[in-house]
Amino acid sequence: MAGSIIGINAFNQPDVEASKIETKKLTSQYESTGSLPAESPFFTSKDAKLFADEKNTAALSRGSTLGDVLKSHLSRIGVGDYFAVLGYIPMNAENEKALQAIRHSVRDLKRVATCSASARAFFIRPDRPTKAGPNSGVFLQLRATTHPISRCRQKYTFGVVKAAQARGDFAVLAERGRRALRVHLGKI
């Protein structure tokens, strides 16, 4: 019902498939080279590294602190928009509470619809519905390095898969021209 209200088609399979294709490209590269493609953050602090496509980087690179960049990103939320915080982080009660606190703060400050989603289990993409609707979302993707858990018959671990999912999903958000920022928190 919420998807209908904010104009998101939660059943848009092509957008789900696009993310799967991007993830598969990344895991295939890991299989052949032993690493995911190198990335360069546009902002680094002791607490986080920030990533975005060229368009979003240009819109956000004015800040000199992590707080400045995050405020700049949130300032892009306008009337009729919604905010989504997408967690590719270890899910436990503390992290779930933190995601909800972010969502509630933005909801109360900006007076817009908000949603949060998290990868509670491997192969579940938290941003499935968010790419399929109109360009009215502002996205904050949080990613953390997870402990390496081996996968049978694969060179890569579940942590690599989760990183590839986050990067693949983010690539599709950028491809769709979404206002998106990925924050890599390191190990949490």
N, C-alpha and C. Protein backbone atom coordinates (compact mmCIF):
# COMPACT_ATOMS: atom_id res chain seq x y z
N MET A 1 0.82 -1.18 0.00
CA MET A 1 0.00 0.00 0.00
C MET A 1 0.87 1.26 0.00
N ALA A 2 1.93 1.25 0.81
CA ALA A 2 2.82 2.42 0.86
C ALA A 2 3.44 2.68 -0.50
N GLY A 3 3.84 1.60 -1.20
CA GLY A 3 4.41 1.76 -2.53
C GLY A 3 3.45 2.42 -3.49
N SER A 4 2.21 2.07 -3.40
CA SER A 4 1.18 2.67 -4.26
C SER A 4 1.04 4.17 -3.98
N ILE A 5 1.09 4.54 -2.71
CA ILE A 5 0.91 5.94 -2.33
C ILE A 5 2.06 6.81 -2.84
N ILE A 6 3.30 6.30 -2.79
CA ILE A 6 4.42 7.12 -3.24
C ILE A 6 4.84 6.80 -4.67
N GLY A 7 4.04 6.00 -5.36
CA GLY A 7 4.27 5.76 -6.78
C GLY A 7 5.35 4.75 -7.10
N ILE A 8 5.56 3.79 -6.23
CA ILE A 8 6.57 2.77 -6.46
C ILE A 8 5.87 1.48 -6.85
N ASN A 9 6.33 0.86 -7.92
CA ASN A 9 5.83 -0.45 -8.31
C ASN A 9 6.74 -1.49 -7.66
N ALA A 10 6.30 -2.04 -6.56
CA ALA A 10 7.11 -2.98 -5.78
C ALA A 10 7.31 -4.31 -6.50
N PHE A 11 6.60 -4.51 -7.59
CA PHE A 11 6.69 -5.78 -8.32
C PHE A 11 7.38 -5.63 -9.67
N ASN A 12 8.14 -4.57 -9.86
CA ASN A 12 8.79 -4.30 -11.13
C ASN A 12 10.02 -5.19 -11.27
N GLN A 13 9.85 -6.34 -11.86
CA GLN A 13 10.91 -7.33 -12.00
C GLN A 13 12.12 -6.82 -12.80
N PRO A 14 11.95 -6.00 -13.85
CA PRO A 14 13.15 -5.56 -14.57
C PRO A 14 14.15 -4.82 -13.68
N ASP A 15 13.67 -4.05 -12.74
CA ASP A 15 14.59 -3.35 -11.85
C ASP A 15 15.30 -4.30 -10.90
N VAL A 16 14.60 -5.32 -10.44
CA VAL A 16 15.22 -6.34 -9.60
C VAL A 16 16.27 -7.09 -10.42
N GLU A 17 15.91 -7.42 -11.64
CA GLU A 17 16.83 -8.15 -12.51
C GLU A 17 18.07 -7.33 -12.83
N ALA A 18 17.92 -6.03 -13.02
CA ALA A 18 19.07 -5.17 -13.30
C ALA A 18 20.07 -5.23 -12.16
N SER A 19 19.60 -5.23 -10.93
CA SER A 19 20.50 -5.31 -9.77
C SER A 19 21.17 -6.67 -9.71
N LYS A 20 20.44 -7.72 -10.02
CA LYS A 20 21.04 -9.06 -10.02
C LYS A 20 22.15 -9.16 -11.06
N ILE A 21 21.93 -8.56 -12.23
CA ILE A 21 22.94 -8.59 -13.29
C ILE A 21 24.20 -7.85 -12.84
N GLU A 22 24.02 -6.67 -12.23
CA GLU A 22 25.18 -5.90 -11.74
C GLU A 22 25.94 -6.68 -10.66
N THR A 23 25.21 -7.32 -9.75
CA THR A 23 25.84 -8.11 -8.69
C THR A 23 26.61 -9.27 -9.29
N LYS A 24 26.02 -9.94 -10.27
CA LYS A 24 26.68 -11.08 -10.91
C LYS A 24 27.98 -10.65 -11.60
N LYS A 25 27.96 -9.47 -12.25
CA LYS A 25 29.19 -8.96 -12.87
C LYS A 25 30.30 -8.80 -11.83
N LEU A 26 29.93 -8.26 -10.68
CA LEU A 26 30.93 -8.02 -9.63
C LEU A 26 31.45 -9.32 -9.03
N THR A 27 30.56 -10.27 -8.75
CA THR A 27 31.02 -11.54 -8.17
C THR A 27 31.83 -12.34 -9.19
N SER A 28 31.47 -12.23 -10.46
CA SER A 28 32.25 -12.91 -11.51
C SER A 28 33.66 -12.32 -11.58
N GLN A 29 33.75 -11.01 -11.47
CA GLN A 29 35.07 -10.38 -11.48
C GLN A 29 35.87 -10.86 -10.27
N TYR A 30 35.21 -10.96 -9.12
CA TYR A 30 35.91 -11.44 -7.93
C TYR A 30 36.41 -12.87 -8.15
N GLU A 31 35.59 -13.70 -8.78
CA GLU A 31 35.98 -15.08 -9.07
C GLU A 31 37.24 -15.13 -9.93
N SER A 32 37.32 -14.23 -10.92
CA SER A 32 38.45 -14.29 -11.84
C SER A 32 39.69 -13.54 -11.34
N THR A 33 39.51 -12.49 -10.55
CA THR A 33 40.66 -11.68 -10.14
C THR A 33 40.99 -11.76 -8.65
N GLY A 34 40.04 -12.22 -7.85
CA GLY A 34 40.26 -12.28 -6.41
C GLY A 34 39.93 -11.00 -5.67
N SER A 35 39.35 -10.01 -6.39
CA SER A 35 38.95 -8.77 -5.72
C SER A 35 37.83 -8.10 -6.52
N LEU A 36 37.08 -7.29 -5.82
CA LEU A 36 36.08 -6.47 -6.47
C LEU A 36 36.79 -5.29 -7.13
N PRO A 37 36.19 -4.67 -8.13
CA PRO A 37 36.84 -3.52 -8.77
C PRO A 37 37.14 -2.43 -7.74
N ALA A 38 38.24 -1.75 -7.94
CA ALA A 38 38.63 -0.66 -7.04
C ALA A 38 37.61 0.47 -7.14
N GLU A 39 37.41 1.14 -6.04
CA GLU A 39 36.52 2.30 -5.98
C GLU A 39 37.28 3.45 -5.33
N SER A 40 36.86 4.64 -5.67
CA SER A 40 37.45 5.82 -5.04
C SER A 40 36.34 6.63 -4.38
N PRO A 41 36.41 6.78 -3.07
CA PRO A 41 35.40 7.61 -2.41
C PRO A 41 35.60 9.07 -2.78
N PHE A 42 34.52 9.82 -2.81
CA PHE A 42 34.67 11.26 -3.06
C PHE A 42 34.89 12.01 -1.76
N PHE A 43 34.70 11.31 -0.62
CA PHE A 43 34.90 11.92 0.68
C PHE A 43 35.33 10.83 1.65
N THR A 44 36.32 11.13 2.49
CA THR A 44 36.79 10.18 3.49
C THR A 44 36.96 10.90 4.82
N SER A 45 36.47 10.27 5.87
CA SER A 45 36.69 10.76 7.23
C SER A 45 37.14 9.57 8.07
N LYS A 46 37.42 9.81 9.34
CA LYS A 46 37.83 8.69 10.19
C LYS A 46 36.67 7.72 10.42
N ASP A 47 35.43 8.18 10.21
CA ASP A 47 34.26 7.36 10.47
C ASP A 47 33.67 6.68 9.25
N ALA A 48 33.91 7.22 8.05
CA ALA A 48 33.22 6.70 6.88
C ALA A 48 33.89 7.11 5.59
N LYS A 49 33.56 6.38 4.54
CA LYS A 49 33.92 6.73 3.17
C LYS A 49 32.61 6.91 2.41
N LEU A 50 32.54 7.96 1.58
CA LEU A 50 31.32 8.25 0.85
C LEU A 50 31.54 8.02 -0.64
N PHE A 51 30.53 7.40 -1.26
CA PHE A 51 30.58 7.08 -2.68
C PHE A 51 29.31 7.56 -3.36
N ALA A 52 29.46 7.98 -4.60
CA ALA A 52 28.31 8.36 -5.42
C ALA A 52 28.75 8.39 -6.87
N ASP A 53 27.79 8.44 -7.77
CA ASP A 53 28.12 8.61 -9.17
C ASP A 53 28.54 10.07 -9.39
N GLU A 54 28.95 10.41 -10.61
CA GLU A 54 29.45 11.77 -10.89
C GLU A 54 28.42 12.85 -10.57
N LYS A 55 27.19 12.64 -10.98
CA LYS A 55 26.15 13.65 -10.77
C LYS A 55 25.91 13.91 -9.28
N ASN A 56 25.78 12.84 -8.51
CA ASN A 56 25.56 13.00 -7.07
C ASN A 56 26.80 13.53 -6.37
N THR A 57 27.96 13.11 -6.81
CA THR A 57 29.20 13.63 -6.23
C THR A 57 29.27 15.14 -6.41
N ALA A 58 28.94 15.60 -7.60
CA ALA A 58 28.97 17.05 -7.87
C ALA A 58 28.00 17.79 -6.96
N ALA A 59 26.86 17.19 -6.70
CA ALA A 59 25.85 17.84 -5.86
C ALA A 59 26.24 17.82 -4.39
N LEU A 60 27.09 16.88 -3.99
CA LEU A 60 27.38 16.68 -2.56
C LEU A 60 28.78 17.06 -2.13
N SER A 61 29.67 17.32 -3.03
CA SER A 61 31.07 17.49 -2.66
C SER A 61 31.39 18.85 -2.05
N ARG A 62 30.39 19.64 -1.75
CA ARG A 62 30.64 20.96 -1.17
C ARG A 62 30.99 20.89 0.32
N GLY A 63 30.67 19.81 0.99
CA GLY A 63 30.89 19.74 2.42
C GLY A 63 32.32 19.44 2.79
N SER A 64 32.75 19.99 3.91
CA SER A 64 34.11 19.73 4.37
C SER A 64 34.13 18.72 5.52
N THR A 65 32.95 18.39 6.06
CA THR A 65 32.85 17.38 7.10
C THR A 65 31.80 16.35 6.70
N LEU A 66 31.82 15.21 7.35
CA LEU A 66 30.82 14.18 7.09
C LEU A 66 29.42 14.74 7.33
N GLY A 67 29.25 15.47 8.41
CA GLY A 67 27.95 16.08 8.71
C GLY A 67 27.50 17.03 7.62
N ASP A 68 28.44 17.82 7.07
CA ASP A 68 28.10 18.75 5.99
C ASP A 68 27.57 18.00 4.77
N VAL A 69 28.26 16.92 4.40
CA VAL A 69 27.86 16.16 3.22
C VAL A 69 26.49 15.52 3.45
N LEU A 70 26.28 14.94 4.62
CA LEU A 70 24.98 14.33 4.92
C LEU A 70 23.87 15.37 4.91
N LYS A 71 24.11 16.54 5.49
CA LYS A 71 23.11 17.62 5.47
C LYS A 71 22.81 18.04 4.04
N SER A 72 23.85 18.14 3.23
CA SER A 72 23.68 18.51 1.83
C SER A 72 22.81 17.48 1.11
N HIS A 73 23.08 16.21 1.39
CA HIS A 73 22.29 15.15 0.76
C HIS A 73 20.82 15.25 1.19
N LEU A 74 20.58 15.42 2.47
CA LEU A 74 19.21 15.50 2.96
C LEU A 74 18.51 16.77 2.50
N SER A 75 19.27 17.82 2.19
CA SER A 75 18.65 19.06 1.72
C SER A 75 18.04 18.88 0.34
N ARG A 76 18.36 17.80 -0.33
CA ARG A 76 17.80 17.54 -1.66
C ARG A 76 16.39 16.95 -1.58
N ILE A 77 15.91 16.67 -0.39
CA ILE A 77 14.55 16.16 -0.23
C ILE A 77 13.58 17.33 -0.34
N GLY A 78 12.64 17.21 -1.25
CA GLY A 78 11.67 18.27 -1.45
C GLY A 78 10.25 17.79 -1.24
N VAL A 79 9.32 18.69 -1.44
CA VAL A 79 7.89 18.36 -1.32
C VAL A 79 7.56 17.25 -2.32
N GLY A 80 6.88 16.24 -1.85
CA GLY A 80 6.49 15.12 -2.71
C GLY A 80 7.53 14.02 -2.82
N ASP A 81 8.70 14.23 -2.24
CA ASP A 81 9.74 13.21 -2.24
C ASP A 81 9.55 12.26 -1.07
N TYR A 82 10.33 11.20 -1.10
CA TYR A 82 10.41 10.30 0.05
C TYR A 82 11.87 9.99 0.30
N PHE A 83 12.17 9.50 1.48
CA PHE A 83 13.53 9.18 1.89
C PHE A 83 13.60 7.70 2.21
N ALA A 84 14.66 7.06 1.74
CA ALA A 84 14.88 5.64 2.05
C ALA A 84 16.29 5.46 2.59
N VAL A 85 16.39 4.82 3.74
CA VAL A 85 17.69 4.42 4.29
C VAL A 85 17.79 2.91 4.10
N LEU A 86 18.85 2.48 3.42
CA LEU A 86 19.02 1.09 3.02
C LEU A 86 20.25 0.52 3.71
N GLY A 87 20.04 -0.45 4.56
CA GLY A 87 21.13 -0.98 5.38
C GLY A 87 21.70 -2.28 4.88
N TYR A 88 22.93 -2.25 4.42
CA TYR A 88 23.71 -3.44 4.10
C TYR A 88 24.71 -3.60 5.23
N ILE A 89 24.18 -3.78 6.40
CA ILE A 89 24.97 -3.85 7.63
C ILE A 89 24.51 -5.07 8.41
N PRO A 90 25.33 -5.55 9.33
CA PRO A 90 24.88 -6.67 10.17
C PRO A 90 23.61 -6.26 10.91
N MET A 91 22.58 -7.05 10.78
CA MET A 91 21.33 -6.67 11.42
C MET A 91 21.20 -7.33 12.79
N ASN A 92 21.06 -6.47 13.75
CA ASN A 92 20.82 -6.86 15.12
C ASN A 92 19.93 -5.76 15.71
N ALA A 93 19.52 -5.92 16.93
CA ALA A 93 18.60 -4.96 17.53
C ALA A 93 19.19 -3.54 17.55
N GLU A 94 20.47 -3.43 17.84
CA GLU A 94 21.11 -2.11 17.91
C GLU A 94 21.13 -1.42 16.54
N ASN A 95 21.53 -2.17 15.50
CA ASN A 95 21.59 -1.58 14.17
C ASN A 95 20.20 -1.29 13.61
N GLU A 96 19.24 -2.15 13.89
CA GLU A 96 17.86 -1.89 13.45
C GLU A 96 17.33 -0.62 14.12
N LYS A 97 17.63 -0.45 15.39
CA LYS A 97 17.21 0.75 16.11
C LYS A 97 17.85 2.00 15.49
N ALA A 98 19.12 1.88 15.09
CA ALA A 98 19.81 3.02 14.47
C ALA A 98 19.18 3.38 13.12
N LEU A 99 18.86 2.37 12.30
CA LEU A 99 18.19 2.64 11.02
C LEU A 99 16.86 3.35 11.24
N GLN A 100 16.11 2.87 12.20
CA GLN A 100 14.80 3.49 12.49
C GLN A 100 14.97 4.91 13.02
N ALA A 101 16.00 5.14 13.80
CA ALA A 101 16.25 6.49 14.33
C ALA A 101 16.57 7.46 13.18
N ILE A 102 17.36 7.00 12.22
CA ILE A 102 17.65 7.84 11.05
C ILE A 102 16.37 8.14 10.30
N ARG A 103 15.60 7.11 10.03
CA ARG A 103 14.35 7.26 9.29
C ARG A 103 13.40 8.22 10.00
N HIS A 104 13.22 8.04 11.29
CA HIS A 104 12.31 8.90 12.06
C HIS A 104 12.79 10.34 12.10
N SER A 105 14.10 10.53 12.24
CA SER A 105 14.64 11.90 12.27
C SER A 105 14.36 12.63 10.96
N VAL A 106 14.60 11.95 9.85
CA VAL A 106 14.35 12.57 8.55
C VAL A 106 12.86 12.81 8.36
N ARG A 107 12.05 11.85 8.73
CA ARG A 107 10.59 12.01 8.62
C ARG A 107 10.12 13.24 9.39
N ASP A 108 10.58 13.37 10.61
CA ASP A 108 10.14 14.48 11.45
C ASP A 108 10.71 15.82 10.99
N LEU A 109 11.94 15.83 10.53
CA LEU A 109 12.58 17.07 10.09
C LEU A 109 12.03 17.54 8.74
N LYS A 110 11.88 16.62 7.80
CA LYS A 110 11.51 16.98 6.43
C LYS A 110 10.02 16.83 6.14
N ARG A 111 9.30 16.16 7.02
CA ARG A 111 7.85 15.95 6.82
C ARG A 111 7.57 15.23 5.51
N VAL A 112 8.30 14.15 5.25
CA VAL A 112 8.11 13.34 4.06
C VAL A 112 7.95 11.88 4.45
N ALA A 113 7.44 11.10 3.52
CA ALA A 113 7.36 9.66 3.72
C ALA A 113 8.77 9.10 3.79
N THR A 114 8.97 8.13 4.64
CA THR A 114 10.28 7.50 4.77
C THR A 114 10.11 5.99 4.81
N CYS A 115 11.17 5.29 4.46
CA CYS A 115 11.18 3.85 4.62
C CYS A 115 12.61 3.42 4.93
N SER A 116 12.72 2.29 5.54
CA SER A 116 14.04 1.72 5.77
C SER A 116 13.95 0.25 5.41
N ALA A 117 15.05 -0.27 4.97
CA ALA A 117 15.11 -1.68 4.62
C ALA A 117 16.51 -2.16 4.93
N SER A 118 16.61 -3.42 5.27
CA SER A 118 17.91 -3.97 5.59
C SER A 118 18.04 -5.36 5.01
N ALA A 119 19.26 -5.73 4.74
CA ALA A 119 19.55 -7.07 4.25
C ALA A 119 19.65 -7.99 5.47
N ARG A 120 18.51 -8.50 5.90
CA ARG A 120 18.49 -9.37 7.09
C ARG A 120 19.15 -10.71 6.82
N ALA A 121 19.11 -11.12 5.58
CA ALA A 121 19.74 -12.38 5.21
C ALA A 121 20.44 -12.18 3.87
N PHE A 122 21.39 -12.99 3.57
CA PHE A 122 22.08 -12.86 2.30
C PHE A 122 21.11 -13.10 1.16
N PHE A 123 21.33 -12.40 0.06
CA PHE A 123 20.53 -12.47 -1.16
C PHE A 123 19.19 -11.76 -1.04
N ILE A 124 18.95 -11.02 0.03
CA ILE A 124 17.77 -10.18 0.12
C ILE A 124 18.22 -8.76 -0.12
N ARG A 125 17.68 -8.13 -1.12
CA ARG A 125 18.09 -6.77 -1.45
C ARG A 125 17.14 -5.79 -0.79
N PRO A 126 17.65 -4.91 0.04
CA PRO A 126 16.77 -3.97 0.72
C PRO A 126 16.15 -2.91 -0.17
N ASP A 127 16.71 -2.67 -1.34
CA ASP A 127 16.16 -1.57 -2.13
C ASP A 127 15.34 -2.04 -3.32
N ARG A 128 14.81 -3.24 -3.29
CA ARG A 128 14.02 -3.75 -4.41
C ARG A 128 12.97 -2.77 -4.90
N PRO A 129 12.10 -2.27 -4.05
CA PRO A 129 11.04 -1.43 -4.58
C PRO A 129 11.47 -0.02 -4.96
N THR A 130 12.60 0.43 -4.53
CA THR A 130 12.92 1.85 -4.63
C THR A 130 13.36 2.31 -6.00
N LYS A 131 13.81 1.41 -6.85
CA LYS A 131 14.27 1.80 -8.17
C LYS A 131 13.12 1.83 -9.18
N ALA A 132 12.00 1.24 -8.84
CA ALA A 132 10.94 0.99 -9.81
C ALA A 132 9.93 2.12 -9.94
N GLY A 133 10.02 3.14 -9.17
CA GLY A 133 9.03 4.21 -9.19
C GLY A 133 9.55 5.48 -9.81
N PRO A 134 8.83 6.56 -9.58
CA PRO A 134 9.27 7.86 -10.11
C PRO A 134 10.54 8.33 -9.39
N ASN A 135 11.20 9.30 -9.97
CA ASN A 135 12.43 9.81 -9.39
C ASN A 135 12.11 10.80 -8.27
N SER A 136 11.47 10.28 -7.23
CA SER A 136 11.09 11.13 -6.09
C SER A 136 11.73 10.65 -4.79
N GLY A 137 12.66 9.72 -4.90
CA GLY A 137 13.32 9.21 -3.70
C GLY A 137 14.70 9.81 -3.51
N VAL A 138 15.07 9.96 -2.26
CA VAL A 138 16.43 10.34 -1.87
C VAL A 138 16.93 9.19 -1.01
N PHE A 139 18.05 8.59 -1.43
CA PHE A 139 18.51 7.34 -0.85
C PHE A 139 19.81 7.50 -0.08
N LEU A 140 19.85 6.86 1.06
CA LEU A 140 21.06 6.78 1.86
C LEU A 140 21.34 5.30 2.08
N GLN A 141 22.37 4.81 1.41
CA GLN A 141 22.73 3.40 1.54
C GLN A 141 23.88 3.30 2.53
N LEU A 142 23.70 2.50 3.57
CA LEU A 142 24.74 2.28 4.57
C LEU A 142 25.30 0.88 4.38
N ARG A 143 26.62 0.80 4.30
CA ARG A 143 27.26 -0.50 4.12
C ARG A 143 28.38 -0.63 5.14
N ALA A 144 28.56 -1.83 5.60
CA ALA A 144 29.65 -2.13 6.53
C ALA A 144 30.33 -3.40 6.07
N THR A 145 31.58 -3.52 6.40
CA THR A 145 32.31 -4.75 6.13
C THR A 145 31.82 -5.81 7.09
N THR A 146 31.54 -6.97 6.58
CA THR A 146 31.06 -8.06 7.43
C THR A 146 32.13 -9.14 7.53
N HIS A 147 31.96 -10.00 8.50
CA HIS A 147 32.90 -11.10 8.69
C HIS A 147 32.82 -12.06 7.51
N PRO A 148 33.96 -12.56 7.05
CA PRO A 148 33.94 -13.47 5.91
C PRO A 148 33.38 -14.84 6.29
N ILE A 149 32.29 -15.21 5.66
CA ILE A 149 31.70 -16.54 5.83
C ILE A 149 31.84 -17.21 4.47
N SER A 150 32.46 -18.37 4.44
CA SER A 150 32.74 -19.04 3.17
C SER A 150 31.48 -19.52 2.49
N ARG A 151 31.56 -19.60 1.17
CA ARG A 151 30.49 -20.16 0.35
C ARG A 151 31.06 -21.42 -0.29
N CYS A 152 30.29 -22.46 -0.32
CA CYS A 152 30.73 -23.71 -0.94
C CYS A 152 30.98 -23.50 -2.43
N ARG A 153 32.04 -24.08 -2.93
CA ARG A 153 32.39 -24.08 -4.35
C ARG A 153 32.58 -22.69 -4.95
N GLN A 154 32.77 -21.67 -4.14
CA GLN A 154 33.00 -20.32 -4.64
C GLN A 154 34.26 -19.77 -4.00
N LYS A 155 34.95 -18.92 -4.74
CA LYS A 155 36.14 -18.26 -4.20
C LYS A 155 35.76 -17.13 -3.25
N TYR A 156 34.58 -16.58 -3.43
CA TYR A 156 34.19 -15.42 -2.63
C TYR A 156 33.35 -15.83 -1.43
N THR A 157 33.31 -14.95 -0.46
CA THR A 157 32.57 -15.19 0.78
C THR A 157 31.21 -14.50 0.71
N PHE A 158 30.37 -14.76 1.69
CA PHE A 158 29.09 -14.06 1.76
C PHE A 158 29.30 -12.56 1.94
N GLY A 159 30.37 -12.18 2.62
CA GLY A 159 30.69 -10.76 2.76
C GLY A 159 30.94 -10.11 1.41
N VAL A 160 31.62 -10.82 0.52
CA VAL A 160 31.86 -10.31 -0.83
C VAL A 160 30.54 -10.20 -1.58
N VAL A 161 29.67 -11.19 -1.42
CA VAL A 161 28.37 -11.15 -2.08
C VAL A 161 27.57 -9.95 -1.59
N LYS A 162 27.58 -9.74 -0.29
CA LYS A 162 26.84 -8.61 0.26
C LYS A 162 27.41 -7.28 -0.24
N ALA A 163 28.72 -7.17 -0.31
CA ALA A 163 29.35 -5.96 -0.86
C ALA A 163 28.97 -5.79 -2.32
N ALA A 164 28.99 -6.87 -3.08
CA ALA A 164 28.62 -6.81 -4.50
C ALA A 164 27.15 -6.43 -4.66
N GLN A 165 26.29 -6.94 -3.80
CA GLN A 165 24.87 -6.56 -3.85
C GLN A 165 24.70 -5.07 -3.60
N ALA A 166 25.35 -4.57 -2.57
CA ALA A 166 25.24 -3.15 -2.26
C ALA A 166 25.74 -2.31 -3.44
N ARG A 167 26.88 -2.68 -3.98
CA ARG A 167 27.44 -1.92 -5.10
C ARG A 167 26.58 -2.07 -6.35
N GLY A 168 26.09 -3.27 -6.60
CA GLY A 168 25.23 -3.49 -7.77
C GLY A 168 23.93 -2.72 -7.67
N ASP A 169 23.30 -2.78 -6.51
CA ASP A 169 22.05 -2.04 -6.31
C ASP A 169 22.28 -0.54 -6.42
N PHE A 170 23.39 -0.08 -5.87
CA PHE A 170 23.71 1.35 -5.93
C PHE A 170 23.96 1.77 -7.38
N ALA A 171 24.62 0.92 -8.16
CA ALA A 171 24.88 1.23 -9.57
C ALA A 171 23.57 1.41 -10.33
N VAL A 172 22.58 0.59 -10.02
CA VAL A 172 21.29 0.72 -10.71
C VAL A 172 20.57 1.99 -10.25
N LEU A 173 20.66 2.33 -8.97
CA LEU A 173 20.09 3.61 -8.52
C LEU A 173 20.72 4.76 -9.30
N ALA A 174 22.05 4.74 -9.45
CA ALA A 174 22.75 5.80 -10.18
C ALA A 174 22.35 5.80 -11.65
N GLU A 175 22.25 4.62 -12.23
CA GLU A 175 21.85 4.50 -13.63
C GLU A 175 20.46 5.09 -13.87
N ARG A 176 19.60 4.97 -12.87
CA ARG A 176 18.24 5.49 -12.97
C ARG A 176 18.17 6.99 -12.63
N GLY A 177 19.34 7.58 -12.33
CA GLY A 177 19.38 9.02 -12.04
C GLY A 177 18.86 9.38 -10.66
N ARG A 178 18.90 8.44 -9.73
CA ARG A 178 18.38 8.69 -8.39
C ARG A 178 19.35 9.53 -7.57
N ARG A 179 18.83 10.26 -6.60
CA ARG A 179 19.65 11.03 -5.66
C ARG A 179 20.09 10.05 -4.57
N ALA A 180 21.30 9.55 -4.72
CA ALA A 180 21.75 8.47 -3.85
C ALA A 180 23.17 8.71 -3.34
N LEU A 181 23.36 8.32 -2.11
CA LEU A 181 24.66 8.42 -1.44
C LEU A 181 24.91 7.10 -0.73
N ARG A 182 26.11 6.53 -0.94
CA ARG A 182 26.49 5.30 -0.23
C ARG A 182 27.55 5.65 0.80
N VAL A 183 27.30 5.23 2.02
CA VAL A 183 28.22 5.45 3.13
C VAL A 183 28.80 4.11 3.55
N HIS A 184 30.12 3.98 3.45
CA HIS A 184 30.76 2.77 3.92
C HIS A 184 31.34 3.04 5.29
N LEU A 185 30.84 2.31 6.26
CA LEU A 185 31.21 2.53 7.66
C LEU A 185 32.40 1.71 8.13
N GLY A 186 32.93 0.84 7.29
CA GLY A 186 34.00 -0.06 7.73
C GLY A 186 33.39 -1.21 8.50
N LYS A 187 34.08 -1.73 9.49
CA LYS A 187 33.55 -2.84 10.28
C LYS A 187 32.73 -2.30 11.45
N ILE A 188 31.52 -2.82 11.59
CA ILE A 188 30.70 -2.46 12.76
C ILE A 188 30.18 -3.71 13.41
